[in-house]
Amino acid sequence: MTTQFDRIVTAVLRAVRTSGLLEANTLSAVVSVVNSDGTVDVTRNDSTYPRVRRLSGYSSPSVGQRVIIQKTSAGWVCLGAYLTS
């Protein structure tokens, strides 16, 4: 049986999920700048993530590549680019 409290909690959770206030930990983005210090700037939906550190396996970044970034306790890290044909 669903109580009034359960309906309120469900409504609050739905509102928070759809509000955009919480940021996902793993995002798809596009490289906009390759920096000389080994980082990349990436963009996603009009938001820019500057100086995202790269993993060593992502050795040849280029502007326009679609990448995966992940939020860590030390900031955003670029995991690498999608392989496309």
PDB file of N, CA and C in Angstrom:
ATOM      1  N   MET A   1       0.841  -1.166   0.000  1.00  0.00           N
ATOM      2  CA  MET A   1       0.000   0.000   0.000  1.00  0.00           C
ATOM      3  C   MET A   1       0.897   1.243   0.000  1.00  0.00           C
ATOM      4  N   THR A   2       0.635   2.154  -0.917  1.00  0.00           N
ATOM      5  CA  THR A   2       1.390   3.394  -1.008  1.00  0.00           C
ATOM      6  C   THR A   2       0.786   4.423  -0.074  1.00  0.00           C
ATOM      7  N   THR A   3       1.660   4.985   0.755  1.00  0.00           N
ATOM      8  CA  THR A   3       1.186   6.006   1.694  1.00  0.00           C
ATOM      9  C   THR A   3       1.423   7.392   1.112  1.00  0.00           C
ATOM     10  N   GLN A   4       0.846   8.371   1.745  1.00  0.00           N
ATOM     11  CA  GLN A   4       1.056   9.758   1.327  1.00  0.00           C
ATOM     12  C   GLN A   4       2.540  10.114   1.381  1.00  0.00           C
ATOM     13  N   PHE A   5       3.221   9.637   2.416  1.00  0.00           N
ATOM     14  CA  PHE A   5       4.659   9.882   2.553  1.00  0.00           C
ATOM     15  C   PHE A   5       5.422   9.287   1.372  1.00  0.00           C
ATOM     16  N   ASP A   6       5.083   8.054   0.977  1.00  0.00           N
ATOM     17  CA  ASP A   6       5.742   7.412  -0.163  1.00  0.00           C
ATOM     18  C   ASP A   6       5.550   8.228  -1.434  1.00  0.00           C
ATOM     19  N   ARG A   7       4.357   8.756  -1.639  1.00  0.00           N
ATOM     20  CA  ARG A   7       4.093   9.566  -2.833  1.00  0.00           C
ATOM     21  C   ARG A   7       4.905  10.857  -2.815  1.00  0.00           C
ATOM     22  N   ILE A   8       5.059  11.447  -1.651  1.00  0.00           N
ATOM     23  CA  ILE A   8       5.862  12.675  -1.536  1.00  0.00           C
ATOM     24  C   ILE A   8       7.328  12.376  -1.833  1.00  0.00           C
ATOM     25  N   VAL A   9       7.858  11.313  -1.242  1.00  0.00           N
ATOM     26  CA  VAL A   9       9.253  10.937  -1.474  1.00  0.00           C
ATOM     27  C   VAL A   9       9.477  10.641  -2.954  1.00  0.00           C
ATOM     28  N   THR A  10       8.583   9.916  -3.584  1.00  0.00           N
ATOM     29  CA  THR A  10       8.697   9.593  -5.008  1.00  0.00           C
ATOM     30  C   THR A  10       8.689  10.870  -5.848  1.00  0.00           C
ATOM     31  N   ALA A  11       7.813  11.810  -5.514  1.00  0.00           N
ATOM     32  CA  ALA A  11       7.737  13.068  -6.255  1.00  0.00           C
ATOM     33  C   ALA A  11       9.013  13.889  -6.092  1.00  0.00           C
ATOM     34  N   VAL A  12       9.568  13.913  -4.901  1.00  0.00           N
ATOM     35  CA  VAL A  12      10.805  14.665  -4.652  1.00  0.00           C
ATOM     36  C   VAL A  12      11.961  14.044  -5.431  1.00  0.00           C
ATOM     37  N   LEU A  13      12.079  12.724  -5.390  1.00  0.00           N
ATOM     38  CA  LEU A  13      13.154  12.050  -6.123  1.00  0.00           C
ATOM     39  C   LEU A  13      13.032  12.299  -7.620  1.00  0.00           C
ATOM     40  N   ARG A  14      11.834  12.238  -8.156  1.00  0.00           N
ATOM     41  CA  ARG A  14      11.614  12.495  -9.577  1.00  0.00           C
ATOM     42  C   ARG A  14      12.009  13.936  -9.920  1.00  0.00           C
ATOM     43  N   ALA A  15      11.644  14.885  -9.065  1.00  0.00           N
ATOM     44  CA  ALA A  15      11.972  16.293  -9.318  1.00  0.00           C
ATOM     45  C   ALA A  15      13.482  16.524  -9.305  1.00  0.00           C
ATOM     46  N   VAL A  16      14.182  15.909  -8.375  1.00  0.00           N
ATOM     47  CA  VAL A  16      15.636  16.077  -8.294  1.00  0.00           C
ATOM     48  C   VAL A  16      16.302  15.463  -9.519  1.00  0.00           C
ATOM     49  N   ARG A  17      15.864  14.272  -9.932  1.00  0.00           N
ATOM     50  CA  ARG A  17      16.464  13.610 -11.100  1.00  0.00           C
ATOM     51  C   ARG A  17      16.289  14.427 -12.371  1.00  0.00           C
ATOM     52  N   THR A  18      15.148  15.058 -12.533  1.00  0.00           N
ATOM     53  CA  THR A  18      14.877  15.789 -13.772  1.00  0.00           C
ATOM     54  C   THR A  18      15.281  17.250 -13.722  1.00  0.00           C
ATOM     55  N   SER A  19      15.711  17.741 -12.573  1.00  0.00           N
ATOM     56  CA  SER A  19      16.033  19.159 -12.427  1.00  0.00           C
ATOM     57  C   SER A  19      17.355  19.549 -13.063  1.00  0.00           C
ATOM     58  N   GLY A  20      18.267  18.584 -13.221  1.00  0.00           N
ATOM     59  CA  GLY A  20      19.591  18.900 -13.729  1.00  0.00           C
ATOM     60  C   GLY A  20      20.525  19.419 -12.651  1.00  0.00           C
ATOM     61  N   LEU A  21      20.069  19.466 -11.408  1.00  0.00           N
ATOM     62  CA  LEU A  21      20.911  19.967 -10.329  1.00  0.00           C
ATOM     63  C   LEU A  21      22.006  18.984  -9.940  1.00  0.00           C
ATOM     64  N   LEU A  22      21.720  17.709 -10.088  1.00  0.00           N
ATOM     65  CA  LEU A  22      22.728  16.703  -9.803  1.00  0.00           C
ATOM     66  C   LEU A  22      23.442  16.351 -11.092  1.00  0.00           C
ATOM     67  N   GLU A  23      24.740  16.327 -11.045  1.00  0.00           N
ATOM     68  CA  GLU A  23      25.529  16.045 -12.236  1.00  0.00           C
ATOM     69  C   GLU A  23      25.923  14.579 -12.246  1.00  0.00           C
ATOM     70  N   ALA A  24      25.800  13.965 -13.371  1.00  0.00           N
ATOM     71  CA  ALA A  24      26.194  12.565 -13.503  1.00  0.00           C
ATOM     72  C   ALA A  24      27.703  12.437 -13.329  1.00  0.00           C
ATOM     73  N   ASN A  25      28.146  11.283 -12.908  1.00  0.00           N
ATOM     74  CA  ASN A  25      29.585  11.058 -12.707  1.00  0.00           C
ATOM     75  C   ASN A  25      30.318  10.749 -13.995  1.00  0.00           C
ATOM     76  N   THR A  26      29.635  10.218 -14.983  1.00  0.00           N
ATOM     77  CA  THR A  26      30.251   9.876 -16.259  1.00  0.00           C
ATOM     78  C   THR A  26      29.458  10.527 -17.380  1.00  0.00           C
ATOM     79  N   LEU A  27      30.144  11.291 -18.226  1.00  0.00           N
ATOM     80  CA  LEU A  27      29.476  12.051 -19.277  1.00  0.00           C
ATOM     81  C   LEU A  27      30.160  11.844 -20.621  1.00  0.00           C
ATOM     82  N   SER A  28      29.415  12.029 -21.672  1.00  0.00           N
ATOM     83  CA  SER A  28      29.946  12.071 -23.018  1.00  0.00           C
ATOM     84  C   SER A  28      30.126  13.543 -23.376  1.00  0.00           C
ATOM     85  N   ALA A  29      31.246  13.888 -23.982  1.00  0.00           N
ATOM     86  CA  ALA A  29      31.533  15.281 -24.321  1.00  0.00           C
ATOM     87  C   ALA A  29      32.362  15.312 -25.607  1.00  0.00           C
ATOM     88  N   VAL A  30      32.647  16.517 -26.082  1.00  0.00           N
ATOM     89  CA  VAL A  30      33.436  16.694 -27.309  1.00  0.00           C
ATOM     90  C   VAL A  30      34.664  17.545 -26.979  1.00  0.00           C
ATOM     91  N   VAL A  31      35.827  17.113 -27.451  1.00  0.00           N
ATOM     92  CA  VAL A  31      37.070  17.867 -27.230  1.00  0.00           C
ATOM     93  C   VAL A  31      36.989  19.182 -28.001  1.00  0.00           C
ATOM     94  N   SER A  32      37.183  20.293 -27.291  1.00  0.00           N
ATOM     95  CA  SER A  32      37.161  21.606 -27.943  1.00  0.00           C
ATOM     96  C   SER A  32      38.548  22.228 -28.033  1.00  0.00           C
ATOM     97  N   VAL A  33      39.444  21.857 -27.109  1.00  0.00           N
ATOM     98  CA  VAL A  33      40.824  22.369 -27.121  1.00  0.00           C
ATOM     99  C   VAL A  33      41.744  21.272 -26.605  1.00  0.00           C
ATOM    100  N   VAL A  34      42.876  21.089 -27.278  1.00  0.00           N
ATOM    101  CA  VAL A  34      43.927  20.207 -26.782  1.00  0.00           C
ATOM    102  C   VAL A  34      45.004  21.118 -26.208  1.00  0.00           C
ATOM    103  N   ASN A  35      45.205  21.044 -24.912  1.00  0.00           N
ATOM    104  CA  ASN A  35      46.163  21.920 -24.227  1.00  0.00           C
ATOM    105  C   ASN A  35      47.558  21.307 -24.228  1.00  0.00           C
ATOM    106  N   SER A  36      48.578  22.155 -24.172  1.00  0.00           N
ATOM    107  CA  SER A  36      49.967  21.692 -24.220  1.00  0.00           C
ATOM    108  C   SER A  36      50.415  21.006 -22.927  1.00  0.00           C
ATOM    109  N   ASP A  37      49.625  21.105 -21.866  1.00  0.00           N
ATOM    110  CA  ASP A  37      50.006  20.496 -20.592  1.00  0.00           C
ATOM    111  C   ASP A  37      49.455  19.078 -20.414  1.00  0.00           C
ATOM    112  N   GLY A  38      48.921  18.479 -21.498  1.00  0.00           N
ATOM    113  CA  GLY A  38      48.412  17.122 -21.418  1.00  0.00           C
ATOM    114  C   GLY A  38      46.937  17.025 -21.055  1.00  0.00           C
ATOM    115  N   THR A  39      46.274  18.155 -20.942  1.00  0.00           N
ATOM    116  CA  THR A  39      44.844  18.163 -20.645  1.00  0.00           C
ATOM    117  C   THR A  39      44.059  18.541 -21.890  1.00  0.00           C
ATOM    118  N   VAL A  40      42.752  18.361 -21.811  1.00  0.00           N
ATOM    119  CA  VAL A  40      41.862  18.793 -22.883  1.00  0.00           C
ATOM    120  C   VAL A  40      40.723  19.595 -22.270  1.00  0.00           C
ATOM    121  N   ASP A  41      40.209  20.543 -23.043  1.00  0.00           N
ATOM    122  CA  ASP A  41      38.961  21.211 -22.678  1.00  0.00           C
ATOM    123  C   ASP A  41      37.877  20.495 -23.462  1.00  0.00           C
ATOM    124  N   VAL A  42      36.768  20.197 -22.801  1.00  0.00           N
ATOM    125  CA  VAL A  42      35.672  19.512 -23.478  1.00  0.00           C
ATOM    126  C   VAL A  42      34.379  20.293 -23.268  1.00  0.00           C
ATOM    127  N   THR A  43      33.451  20.127 -24.189  1.00  0.00           N
ATOM    128  CA  THR A  43      32.157  20.793 -24.077  1.00  0.00           C
ATOM    129  C   THR A  43      31.049  19.752 -24.125  1.00  0.00           C
ATOM    130  N   ARG A  44      29.968  20.109 -23.456  1.00  0.00           N
ATOM    131  CA  ARG A  44      28.777  19.275 -23.415  1.00  0.00           C
ATOM    132  C   ARG A  44      27.587  20.188 -23.141  1.00  0.00           C
ATOM    133  N   ASN A  45      26.652  20.219 -24.059  1.00  0.00           N
ATOM    134  CA  ASN A  45      25.419  21.005 -23.867  1.00  0.00           C
ATOM    135  C   ASN A  45      25.689  22.429 -23.393  1.00  0.00           C
ATOM    136  N   ASP A  46      26.483  23.173 -24.092  1.00  0.00           N
ATOM    137  CA  ASP A  46      26.801  24.563 -23.749  1.00  0.00           C
ATOM    138  C   ASP A  46      27.621  24.723 -22.473  1.00  0.00           C
ATOM    139  N   SER A  47      28.097  23.638 -21.880  1.00  0.00           N
ATOM    140  CA  SER A  47      28.963  23.719 -20.700  1.00  0.00           C
ATOM    141  C   SER A  47      30.365  23.314 -21.114  1.00  0.00           C
ATOM    142  N   THR A  48      31.360  24.025 -20.589  1.00  0.00           N
ATOM    143  CA  THR A  48      32.750  23.707 -20.865  1.00  0.00           C
ATOM    144  C   THR A  48      33.402  23.151 -19.611  1.00  0.00           C
ATOM    145  N   TYR A  49      34.166  22.091 -19.785  1.00  0.00           N
ATOM    146  CA  TYR A  49      34.939  21.488 -18.702  1.00  0.00           C
ATOM    147  C   TYR A  49      36.404  21.718 -19.053  1.00  0.00           C
ATOM    148  N   PRO A  50      37.047  22.727 -18.434  1.00  0.00           N
ATOM    149  CA  PRO A  50      38.423  23.068 -18.804  1.00  0.00           C
ATOM    150  C   PRO A  50      39.455  22.166 -18.131  1.00  0.00           C
ATOM    151  N   ARG A  51      40.562  21.983 -18.830  1.00  0.00           N
ATOM    152  CA  ARG A  51      41.734  21.289 -18.291  1.00  0.00           C
ATOM    153  C   ARG A  51      41.402  19.934 -17.672  1.00  0.00           C
ATOM    154  N   VAL A  52      40.698  19.117 -18.431  1.00  0.00           N
ATOM    155  CA  VAL A  52      40.376  17.758 -17.995  1.00  0.00           C
ATOM    156  C   VAL A  52      41.606  16.892 -18.232  1.00  0.00           C
ATOM    157  N   ARG A  53      42.069  16.236 -17.181  1.00  0.00           N
ATOM    158  CA  ARG A  53      43.265  15.386 -17.305  1.00  0.00           C
ATOM    159  C   ARG A  53      42.945  14.159 -18.147  1.00  0.00           C
ATOM    160  N   ARG A  54      43.943  13.662 -18.882  1.00  0.00           N
ATOM    161  CA  ARG A  54      43.776  12.488 -19.736  1.00  0.00           C
ATOM    162  C   ARG A  54      44.467  11.283 -19.121  1.00  0.00           C
ATOM    163  N   LEU A  55      43.886  10.104 -19.341  1.00  0.00           N
ATOM    164  CA  LEU A  55      44.581   8.873 -18.991  1.00  0.00           C
ATOM    165  C   LEU A  55      45.684   8.640 -20.011  1.00  0.00           C
ATOM    166  N   SER A  56      46.723   7.925 -19.628  1.00  0.00           N
ATOM    167  CA  SER A  56      47.875   7.725 -20.513  1.00  0.00           C
ATOM    168  C   SER A  56      47.509   6.995 -21.805  1.00  0.00           C
ATOM    169  N   GLY A  57      46.482   6.183 -21.790  1.00  0.00           N
ATOM    170  CA  GLY A  57      46.078   5.466 -22.988  1.00  0.00           C
ATOM    171  C   GLY A  57      45.443   6.343 -24.051  1.00  0.00           C
ATOM    172  N   TYR A  58      44.999   7.527 -23.654  1.00  0.00           N
ATOM    173  CA  TYR A  58      44.402   8.467 -24.606  1.00  0.00           C
ATOM    174  C   TYR A  58      45.502   9.427 -25.039  1.00  0.00           C
ATOM    175  N   SER A  59      46.357   8.929 -25.943  1.00  0.00           N
ATOM    176  CA  SER A  59      47.593   9.648 -26.262  1.00  0.00           C
ATOM    177  C   SER A  59      47.500  10.592 -27.445  1.00  0.00           C
ATOM    178  N   SER A  60      46.457  10.505 -28.247  1.00  0.00           N
ATOM    179  CA  SER A  60      46.362  11.352 -29.441  1.00  0.00           C
ATOM    180  C   SER A  60      45.020  12.074 -29.511  1.00  0.00           C
ATOM    181  N   PRO A  61      44.770  12.977 -28.570  1.00  0.00           N
ATOM    182  CA  PRO A  61      43.497  13.685 -28.612  1.00  0.00           C
ATOM    183  C   PRO A  61      43.453  14.674 -29.768  1.00  0.00           C
ATOM    184  N   SER A  62      42.267  14.914 -30.295  1.00  0.00           N
ATOM    185  CA  SER A  62      42.117  15.947 -31.314  1.00  0.00           C
ATOM    186  C   SER A  62      40.755  16.614 -31.157  1.00  0.00           C
ATOM    187  N   VAL A  63      40.703  17.864 -31.565  1.00  0.00           N
ATOM    188  CA  VAL A  63      39.478  18.650 -31.478  1.00  0.00           C
ATOM    189  C   VAL A  63      38.389  17.949 -32.286  1.00  0.00           C
ATOM    190  N   GLY A  64      37.213  17.867 -31.699  1.00  0.00           N
ATOM    191  CA  GLY A  64      36.075  17.253 -32.360  1.00  0.00           C
ATOM    192  C   GLY A  64      35.824  15.809 -31.962  1.00  0.00           C
ATOM    193  N   GLN A  65      36.786  15.180 -31.289  1.00  0.00           N
ATOM    194  CA  GLN A  65      36.578  13.798 -30.862  1.00  0.00           C
ATOM    195  C   GLN A  65      35.539  13.732 -29.757  1.00  0.00           C
ATOM    196  N   ARG A  66      34.665  12.731 -29.825  1.00  0.00           N
ATOM    197  CA  ARG A  66      33.700  12.476 -28.757  1.00  0.00           C
ATOM    198  C   ARG A  66      34.395  11.597 -27.727  1.00  0.00           C
ATOM    199  N   VAL A  67      34.366  12.030 -26.465  1.00  0.00           N
ATOM    200  CA  VAL A  67      35.091  11.356 -25.393  1.00  0.00           C
ATOM    201  C   VAL A  67      34.176  11.077 -24.214  1.00  0.00           C
ATOM    202  N   ILE A  68      34.668  10.248 -23.323  1.00  0.00           N
ATOM    203  CA  ILE A  68      34.010   9.970 -22.054  1.00  0.00           C
ATOM    204  C   ILE A  68      34.825  10.653 -20.958  1.00  0.00           C
ATOM    205  N   ILE A  69      34.147  11.437 -20.111  1.00  0.00           N
ATOM    206  CA  ILE A  69      34.822  12.025 -18.956  1.00  0.00           C
ATOM    207  C   ILE A  69      34.147  11.507 -17.692  1.00  0.00           C
ATOM    208  N   GLN A  70      34.931  11.379 -16.644  1.00  0.00           N
ATOM    209  CA  GLN A  70      34.400  10.877 -15.382  1.00  0.00           C
ATOM    210  C   GLN A  70      34.839  11.785 -14.248  1.00  0.00           C
ATOM    211  N   LYS A  71      33.891  12.072 -13.357  1.00  0.00           N
ATOM    212  CA  LYS A  71      34.193  12.910 -12.204  1.00  0.00           C
ATOM    213  C   LYS A  71      34.816  12.056 -11.112  1.00  0.00           C
ATOM    214  N   THR A  72      35.947  12.519 -10.584  1.00  0.00           N
ATOM    215  CA  THR A  72      36.632  11.831  -9.494  1.00  0.00           C
ATOM    216  C   THR A  72      36.780  12.805  -8.337  1.00  0.00           C
ATOM    217  N   SER A  73      37.303  12.342  -7.245  1.00  0.00           N
ATOM    218  CA  SER A  73      37.512  13.223  -6.096  1.00  0.00           C
ATOM    219  C   SER A  73      38.544  14.305  -6.408  1.00  0.00           C
ATOM    220  N   ALA A  74      39.369  14.091  -7.426  1.00  0.00           N
ATOM    221  CA  ALA A  74      40.391  15.072  -7.812  1.00  0.00           C
ATOM    222  C   ALA A  74      39.975  15.906  -9.018  1.00  0.00           C
ATOM    223  N   GLY A  75      38.739  15.759  -9.475  1.00  0.00           N
ATOM    224  CA  GLY A  75      38.262  16.519 -10.626  1.00  0.00           C
ATOM    225  C   GLY A  75      37.903  15.595 -11.779  1.00  0.00           C
ATOM    226  N   TRP A  76      37.698  16.182 -12.949  1.00  0.00           N
ATOM    227  CA  TRP A  76      37.294  15.415 -14.127  1.00  0.00           C
ATOM    228  C   TRP A  76      38.499  14.768 -14.795  1.00  0.00           C
ATOM    229  N   VAL A  77      38.313  13.545 -15.306  1.00  0.00           N
ATOM    230  CA  VAL A  77      39.342  12.791 -16.022  1.00  0.00           C
ATOM    231  C   VAL A  77      38.750  12.314 -17.335  1.00  0.00           C
ATOM    232  N   CYS A  78      39.504  12.449 -18.411  1.00  0.00           N
ATOM    233  CA  CYS A  78      39.082  11.957 -19.718  1.00  0.00           C
ATOM    234  C   CYS A  78      39.546  10.515 -19.864  1.00  0.00           C
ATOM    235  N   LEU A  79      38.595   9.604 -20.022  1.00  0.00           N
ATOM    236  CA  LEU A  79      38.919   8.190 -20.128  1.00  0.00           C
ATOM    237  C   LEU A  79      39.378   7.810 -21.532  1.00  0.00           C
ATOM    238  N   GLY A  80      38.958   8.563 -22.535  1.00  0.00           N
ATOM    239  CA  GLY A  80      39.366   8.276 -23.895  1.00  0.00           C
ATOM    240  C   GLY A  80      38.267   8.609 -24.879  1.00  0.00           C
ATOM    241  N   ALA A  81      38.579   8.394 -26.165  1.00  0.00           N
ATOM    242  CA  ALA A  81      37.669   8.725 -27.236  1.00  0.00           C
ATOM    243  C   ALA A  81      36.879   7.500 -27.667  1.00  0.00           C
ATOM    244  N   TYR A  82      35.673   7.761 -28.185  1.00  0.00           N
ATOM    245  CA  TYR A  82      34.889   6.697 -28.814  1.00  0.00           C
ATOM    246  C   TYR A  82      35.580   6.299 -30.107  1.00  0.00           C
ATOM    247  N   LEU A  83      35.556   5.035 -30.438  1.00  0.00           N
ATOM    248  CA  LEU A  83      36.054   4.565 -31.735  1.00  0.00           C
ATOM    249  C   LEU A  83      34.915   4.697 -32.735  1.00  0.00           C
ATOM    250  N   THR A  84      35.161   5.362 -33.846  1.00  0.00           N
ATOM    251  CA  THR A  84      34.130   5.533 -34.871  1.00  0.00           C
ATOM    252  C   THR A  84      34.688   5.072 -36.196  1.00  0.00           C
ATOM    253  N   SER A  85      33.793   4.710 -37.095  1.00  0.00           N
ATOM    254  CA  SER A  85      34.250   4.244 -38.406  1.00  0.00           C
ATOM    255  C   SER A  85      34.274   5.388 -39.391  1.00  0.00           C
TER     256      SER A  85
END
